[in-house]
Amino acid sequence: MEIQDAVEKILKISPSVRVVSVCDLKGNLLFSARSKKVNLLVSKKQSMASLKAAAKDWKQRKKLMRSLGACKYVVAEYDKVKRLVIPAGKNHILYITTTASLDHNKVVRKVRSFK
C-alpha cells in the first residue's frame, strides 16, 4: 500500500482522527495529512519536535524487543487529544492524533488489519 493511500485510509476510519503522519526512525517526515475540519493545536515546530521524539522513543522500544517482545503501539492521552504511535514496517512509524474521546483501540485494530 502506498504511503499516501494508507494515510488517507486511516483518516477515513473516523471523523475523530485528526492528523496522520508517517516518519522514519530518525524522525524524518515522509508524509502527513489532516482532516479538513481540524484546527491545529500546536505549531509546526512543536509538531516536528514531537514526531522526532516519538521516533527516538520507538528506537529505544525496539531495543527491548528481545526481552519483552515487540511493542504493538503507544498511546499518550492529553486533555484535548490522543497521540498514537504504531509501527509501519521495520523502519517507520505512524503518528496519529485523534480527539481525546475516541476509543483508540478502534483505530489500532483497523490500522493493524491493513496490508
N, C-alpha and C. Protein backbone atom coordinates (compact mmCIF):
# COMPACT_ATOMS: atom_id res chain seq x y z
N MET A 1 0.85 -1.17 0.00
CA MET A 1 0.00 0.00 0.00
C MET A 1 0.90 1.24 0.00
N GLU A 2 0.61 2.17 -0.87
CA GLU A 2 1.38 3.41 -0.92
C GLU A 2 1.14 4.23 0.34
N ILE A 3 2.13 5.03 0.72
CA ILE A 3 2.05 5.81 1.96
C ILE A 3 0.85 6.74 1.95
N GLN A 4 0.68 7.50 0.87
CA GLN A 4 -0.42 8.46 0.81
C GLN A 4 -1.77 7.75 0.91
N ASP A 5 -1.91 6.62 0.23
CA ASP A 5 -3.16 5.86 0.28
C ASP A 5 -3.43 5.36 1.70
N ALA A 6 -2.38 4.88 2.37
CA ALA A 6 -2.53 4.38 3.74
C ALA A 6 -2.97 5.50 4.67
N VAL A 7 -2.36 6.66 4.53
CA VAL A 7 -2.71 7.81 5.38
C VAL A 7 -4.16 8.20 5.15
N GLU A 8 -4.58 8.29 3.90
CA GLU A 8 -5.97 8.65 3.59
C GLU A 8 -6.94 7.61 4.15
N LYS A 9 -6.57 6.35 4.08
CA LYS A 9 -7.42 5.28 4.61
C LYS A 9 -7.57 5.41 6.14
N ILE A 10 -6.49 5.76 6.81
CA ILE A 10 -6.54 5.94 8.27
C ILE A 10 -7.41 7.14 8.62
N LEU A 11 -7.29 8.22 7.87
CA LEU A 11 -8.12 9.40 8.13
C LEU A 11 -9.61 9.08 8.01
N LYS A 12 -9.95 8.11 7.19
CA LYS A 12 -11.36 7.74 6.98
C LYS A 12 -11.91 6.80 8.04
N ILE A 13 -11.06 6.32 8.94
CA ILE A 13 -11.54 5.41 10.00
C ILE A 13 -12.63 6.07 10.83
N SER A 14 -12.41 7.35 11.14
CA SER A 14 -13.37 8.08 11.98
C SER A 14 -13.17 9.58 11.77
N PRO A 15 -14.24 10.36 11.88
CA PRO A 15 -14.09 11.82 11.82
C PRO A 15 -13.24 12.34 12.99
N SER A 16 -13.05 11.52 14.01
CA SER A 16 -12.27 11.91 15.17
C SER A 16 -10.76 11.74 14.98
N VAL A 17 -10.36 11.13 13.85
CA VAL A 17 -8.93 11.07 13.53
C VAL A 17 -8.54 12.43 12.99
N ARG A 18 -7.59 13.08 13.63
CA ARG A 18 -7.23 14.45 13.31
C ARG A 18 -6.09 14.54 12.30
N VAL A 19 -4.96 13.94 12.63
CA VAL A 19 -3.76 14.05 11.81
C VAL A 19 -3.09 12.68 11.73
N VAL A 20 -2.57 12.33 10.56
CA VAL A 20 -1.81 11.09 10.38
C VAL A 20 -0.50 11.45 9.69
N SER A 21 0.60 11.03 10.31
CA SER A 21 1.92 11.27 9.74
C SER A 21 2.69 9.96 9.69
N VAL A 22 3.60 9.87 8.72
CA VAL A 22 4.49 8.72 8.61
C VAL A 22 5.91 9.26 8.63
N CYS A 23 6.75 8.65 9.47
CA CYS A 23 8.15 9.07 9.50
C CYS A 23 9.05 7.86 9.65
N ASP A 24 10.34 8.08 9.37
CA ASP A 24 11.31 7.01 9.60
C ASP A 24 11.77 7.08 11.06
N LEU A 25 12.67 6.20 11.44
CA LEU A 25 13.09 6.13 12.84
C LEU A 25 14.09 7.22 13.23
N LYS A 26 14.42 8.09 12.28
CA LYS A 26 15.22 9.27 12.60
C LYS A 26 14.32 10.49 12.78
N GLY A 27 13.03 10.29 12.59
CA GLY A 27 12.08 11.39 12.73
C GLY A 27 11.88 12.20 11.47
N ASN A 28 12.39 11.71 10.34
CA ASN A 28 12.21 12.41 9.07
C ASN A 28 10.79 12.15 8.56
N LEU A 29 10.06 13.21 8.36
CA LEU A 29 8.68 13.12 7.90
C LEU A 29 8.63 12.68 6.44
N LEU A 30 7.86 11.62 6.17
CA LEU A 30 7.69 11.15 4.80
C LEU A 30 6.39 11.66 4.20
N PHE A 31 5.34 11.70 5.02
CA PHE A 31 4.05 12.18 4.53
C PHE A 31 3.16 12.49 5.73
N SER A 32 2.32 13.49 5.57
CA SER A 32 1.38 13.85 6.63
C SER A 32 0.13 14.45 6.00
N ALA A 33 -1.01 14.17 6.62
CA ALA A 33 -2.27 14.76 6.17
C ALA A 33 -3.17 14.92 7.39
N ARG A 34 -4.13 15.82 7.27
CA ARG A 34 -5.05 16.03 8.38
C ARG A 34 -6.47 16.10 7.87
N SER A 35 -7.38 15.88 8.79
CA SER A 35 -8.80 16.01 8.48
C SER A 35 -9.08 17.46 8.12
N LYS A 36 -9.98 17.68 7.20
CA LYS A 36 -10.28 19.04 6.75
C LYS A 36 -10.88 19.90 7.86
N LYS A 37 -11.49 19.27 8.85
CA LYS A 37 -12.16 20.01 9.91
C LYS A 37 -11.24 20.36 11.09
N VAL A 38 -9.99 19.97 11.00
CA VAL A 38 -9.08 20.11 12.14
C VAL A 38 -8.45 21.50 12.21
N ASN A 39 -8.50 22.07 13.39
CA ASN A 39 -7.70 23.26 13.70
C ASN A 39 -6.47 22.76 14.44
N LEU A 40 -5.30 23.10 13.94
CA LEU A 40 -4.07 22.62 14.57
C LEU A 40 -3.90 23.25 15.95
N LEU A 41 -3.47 22.45 16.90
CA LEU A 41 -3.32 22.91 18.28
C LEU A 41 -1.88 23.26 18.64
N VAL A 42 -0.93 22.79 17.84
CA VAL A 42 0.49 23.08 18.09
C VAL A 42 1.12 23.63 16.81
N SER A 43 2.23 24.31 16.98
CA SER A 43 2.94 24.86 15.82
C SER A 43 3.62 23.74 15.04
N LYS A 44 4.03 24.05 13.82
CA LYS A 44 4.75 23.07 13.01
C LYS A 44 6.04 22.66 13.71
N LYS A 45 6.71 23.61 14.32
CA LYS A 45 7.96 23.32 15.04
C LYS A 45 7.71 22.35 16.20
N GLN A 46 6.65 22.59 16.97
CA GLN A 46 6.31 21.70 18.08
C GLN A 46 5.92 20.31 17.57
N SER A 47 5.19 20.29 16.49
CA SER A 47 4.77 19.03 15.91
C SER A 47 5.97 18.20 15.45
N MET A 48 6.92 18.84 14.78
CA MET A 48 8.11 18.13 14.31
C MET A 48 8.96 17.64 15.48
N ALA A 49 9.05 18.43 16.53
CA ALA A 49 9.81 18.02 17.71
C ALA A 49 9.16 16.79 18.35
N SER A 50 7.84 16.78 18.41
CA SER A 50 7.12 15.64 18.98
C SER A 50 7.31 14.40 18.11
N LEU A 51 7.28 14.58 16.81
CA LEU A 51 7.48 13.47 15.88
C LEU A 51 8.88 12.88 16.04
N LYS A 52 9.89 13.73 16.12
CA LYS A 52 11.26 13.25 16.31
C LYS A 52 11.41 12.52 17.64
N ALA A 53 10.78 13.03 18.69
CA ALA A 53 10.83 12.37 20.00
C ALA A 53 10.16 11.00 19.94
N ALA A 54 9.03 10.91 19.24
CA ALA A 54 8.33 9.64 19.11
C ALA A 54 9.19 8.62 18.37
N ALA A 55 9.88 9.06 17.33
CA ALA A 55 10.76 8.16 16.57
C ALA A 55 11.92 7.69 17.45
N LYS A 56 12.50 8.61 18.19
CA LYS A 56 13.61 8.26 19.09
C LYS A 56 13.13 7.26 20.15
N ASP A 57 11.97 7.51 20.73
CA ASP A 57 11.42 6.60 21.73
C ASP A 57 11.14 5.22 21.13
N TRP A 58 10.67 5.20 19.88
CA TRP A 58 10.37 3.92 19.25
C TRP A 58 11.65 3.11 19.06
N LYS A 59 12.73 3.78 18.69
CA LYS A 59 14.01 3.09 18.56
C LYS A 59 14.42 2.46 19.89
N GLN A 60 14.19 3.16 20.98
CA GLN A 60 14.50 2.62 22.31
C GLN A 60 13.64 1.40 22.60
N ARG A 61 12.37 1.45 22.24
CA ARG A 61 11.49 0.31 22.48
C ARG A 61 11.94 -0.92 21.69
N LYS A 62 12.46 -0.69 20.49
CA LYS A 62 12.94 -1.81 19.68
C LYS A 62 14.08 -2.54 20.38
N LYS A 63 14.86 -1.82 21.19
CA LYS A 63 15.96 -2.45 21.93
C LYS A 63 15.45 -3.40 23.01
N LEU A 64 14.23 -3.22 23.45
CA LEU A 64 13.64 -4.08 24.48
C LEU A 64 12.92 -5.29 23.89
N MET A 65 12.86 -5.36 22.58
CA MET A 65 12.07 -6.39 21.91
C MET A 65 12.52 -7.79 22.30
N ARG A 66 13.79 -8.02 22.38
CA ARG A 66 14.29 -9.36 22.71
C ARG A 66 13.79 -9.80 24.09
N SER A 67 13.74 -8.88 25.03
CA SER A 67 13.32 -9.20 26.40
C SER A 67 11.80 -9.21 26.57
N LEU A 68 11.13 -8.23 25.97
CA LEU A 68 9.70 -8.04 26.22
C LEU A 68 8.79 -8.44 25.07
N GLY A 69 9.35 -8.63 23.90
CA GLY A 69 8.54 -8.84 22.71
C GLY A 69 8.33 -7.51 22.01
N ALA A 70 7.74 -7.57 20.85
CA ALA A 70 7.55 -6.37 20.04
C ALA A 70 6.50 -5.44 20.66
N CYS A 71 6.79 -4.16 20.63
CA CYS A 71 5.82 -3.15 21.07
C CYS A 71 4.76 -3.02 19.98
N LYS A 72 3.52 -3.12 20.35
CA LYS A 72 2.43 -3.08 19.37
C LYS A 72 1.99 -1.66 19.03
N TYR A 73 1.94 -0.79 20.05
CA TYR A 73 1.61 0.61 19.86
C TYR A 73 1.81 1.34 21.17
N VAL A 74 1.79 2.67 21.09
CA VAL A 74 1.92 3.52 22.27
C VAL A 74 0.83 4.58 22.19
N VAL A 75 0.20 4.87 23.33
CA VAL A 75 -0.83 5.91 23.39
C VAL A 75 -0.42 6.95 24.43
N ALA A 76 -0.49 8.20 24.05
CA ALA A 76 -0.35 9.31 25.00
C ALA A 76 -1.68 10.05 24.99
N GLU A 77 -2.29 10.17 26.15
CA GLU A 77 -3.59 10.84 26.23
C GLU A 77 -3.42 12.19 26.92
N TYR A 78 -3.82 13.23 26.22
CA TYR A 78 -3.79 14.59 26.73
C TYR A 78 -5.23 15.04 26.97
N ASP A 79 -5.43 16.20 27.53
CA ASP A 79 -6.78 16.70 27.75
C ASP A 79 -7.55 16.86 26.44
N LYS A 80 -6.86 17.31 25.38
CA LYS A 80 -7.54 17.63 24.13
C LYS A 80 -7.39 16.58 23.03
N VAL A 81 -6.35 15.78 23.08
CA VAL A 81 -6.11 14.80 22.02
C VAL A 81 -5.46 13.53 22.58
N LYS A 82 -5.50 12.49 21.75
CA LYS A 82 -4.70 11.29 21.99
C LYS A 82 -3.68 11.21 20.86
N ARG A 83 -2.50 10.72 21.21
CA ARG A 83 -1.46 10.51 20.20
C ARG A 83 -1.12 9.03 20.19
N LEU A 84 -1.24 8.42 19.02
CA LEU A 84 -0.94 7.00 18.85
C LEU A 84 0.32 6.87 18.01
N VAL A 85 1.20 5.99 18.41
CA VAL A 85 2.38 5.67 17.62
C VAL A 85 2.32 4.17 17.36
N ILE A 86 2.29 3.81 16.07
CA ILE A 86 2.12 2.43 15.65
C ILE A 86 3.21 2.11 14.63
N PRO A 87 3.86 0.94 14.75
CA PRO A 87 4.89 0.62 13.77
C PRO A 87 4.29 0.46 12.37
N ALA A 88 5.06 0.88 11.39
CA ALA A 88 4.69 0.70 9.98
C ALA A 88 5.89 0.05 9.30
N GLY A 89 5.93 -1.26 9.35
CA GLY A 89 7.11 -1.98 8.88
C GLY A 89 8.21 -1.92 9.93
N LYS A 90 9.43 -2.23 9.53
CA LYS A 90 10.54 -2.28 10.48
C LYS A 90 11.18 -0.93 10.75
N ASN A 91 11.05 0.00 9.82
CA ASN A 91 11.82 1.24 9.93
C ASN A 91 10.99 2.51 9.86
N HIS A 92 9.68 2.38 10.06
CA HIS A 92 8.82 3.56 10.01
C HIS A 92 7.76 3.47 11.10
N ILE A 93 7.21 4.63 11.44
CA ILE A 93 6.10 4.67 12.39
C ILE A 93 4.97 5.53 11.84
N LEU A 94 3.78 5.18 12.27
CA LEU A 94 2.60 6.02 12.04
C LEU A 94 2.41 6.84 13.30
N TYR A 95 2.19 8.10 13.13
CA TYR A 95 1.99 9.04 14.23
C TYR A 95 0.60 9.62 14.01
N ILE A 96 -0.34 9.22 14.83
CA ILE A 96 -1.75 9.53 14.61
C ILE A 96 -2.28 10.31 15.80
N THR A 97 -2.96 11.42 15.53
CA THR A 97 -3.64 12.12 16.61
C THR A 97 -5.15 12.03 16.39
N THR A 98 -5.86 11.89 17.50
CA THR A 98 -7.31 11.77 17.47
C THR A 98 -7.90 12.69 18.53
N THR A 99 -9.20 12.84 18.52
CA THR A 99 -9.85 13.53 19.63
C THR A 99 -9.63 12.69 20.89
N ALA A 100 -9.68 13.33 22.04
CA ALA A 100 -9.45 12.62 23.30
C ALA A 100 -10.53 11.59 23.59
N SER A 101 -11.73 11.80 23.06
CA SER A 101 -12.84 10.90 23.37
C SER A 101 -12.88 9.64 22.51
N LEU A 102 -12.14 9.61 21.42
CA LEU A 102 -12.18 8.44 20.53
C LEU A 102 -11.59 7.21 21.21
N ASP A 103 -12.24 6.07 21.04
CA ASP A 103 -11.69 4.81 21.53
C ASP A 103 -10.50 4.46 20.65
N HIS A 104 -9.30 4.64 21.18
CA HIS A 104 -8.10 4.43 20.37
C HIS A 104 -7.95 2.98 19.92
N ASN A 105 -8.56 2.04 20.66
CA ASN A 105 -8.47 0.64 20.26
C ASN A 105 -9.11 0.41 18.89
N LYS A 106 -10.14 1.17 18.57
CA LYS A 106 -10.79 1.08 17.26
C LYS A 106 -9.78 1.42 16.16
N VAL A 107 -9.03 2.49 16.36
CA VAL A 107 -8.04 2.91 15.36
C VAL A 107 -6.93 1.87 15.26
N VAL A 108 -6.42 1.43 16.40
CA VAL A 108 -5.33 0.45 16.40
C VAL A 108 -5.75 -0.83 15.68
N ARG A 109 -6.93 -1.35 15.99
CA ARG A 109 -7.41 -2.57 15.34
C ARG A 109 -7.50 -2.40 13.82
N LYS A 110 -8.07 -1.28 13.39
CA LYS A 110 -8.22 -1.04 11.95
C LYS A 110 -6.85 -0.93 11.27
N VAL A 111 -5.95 -0.14 11.86
CA VAL A 111 -4.63 0.06 11.25
C VAL A 111 -3.88 -1.26 11.17
N ARG A 112 -3.94 -2.05 12.22
CA ARG A 112 -3.21 -3.32 12.23
C ARG A 112 -3.80 -4.33 11.26
N SER A 113 -5.04 -4.11 10.81
CA SER A 113 -5.66 -5.03 9.84
C SER A 113 -5.29 -4.67 8.40
N PHE A 114 -4.72 -3.48 8.18
CA PHE A 114 -4.34 -3.07 6.83
C PHE A 114 -3.16 -3.89 6.34
N LYS A 115 -3.12 -4.15 5.07
CA LYS A 115 -1.99 -4.87 4.45
C LYS A 115 -1.14 -3.92 3.66
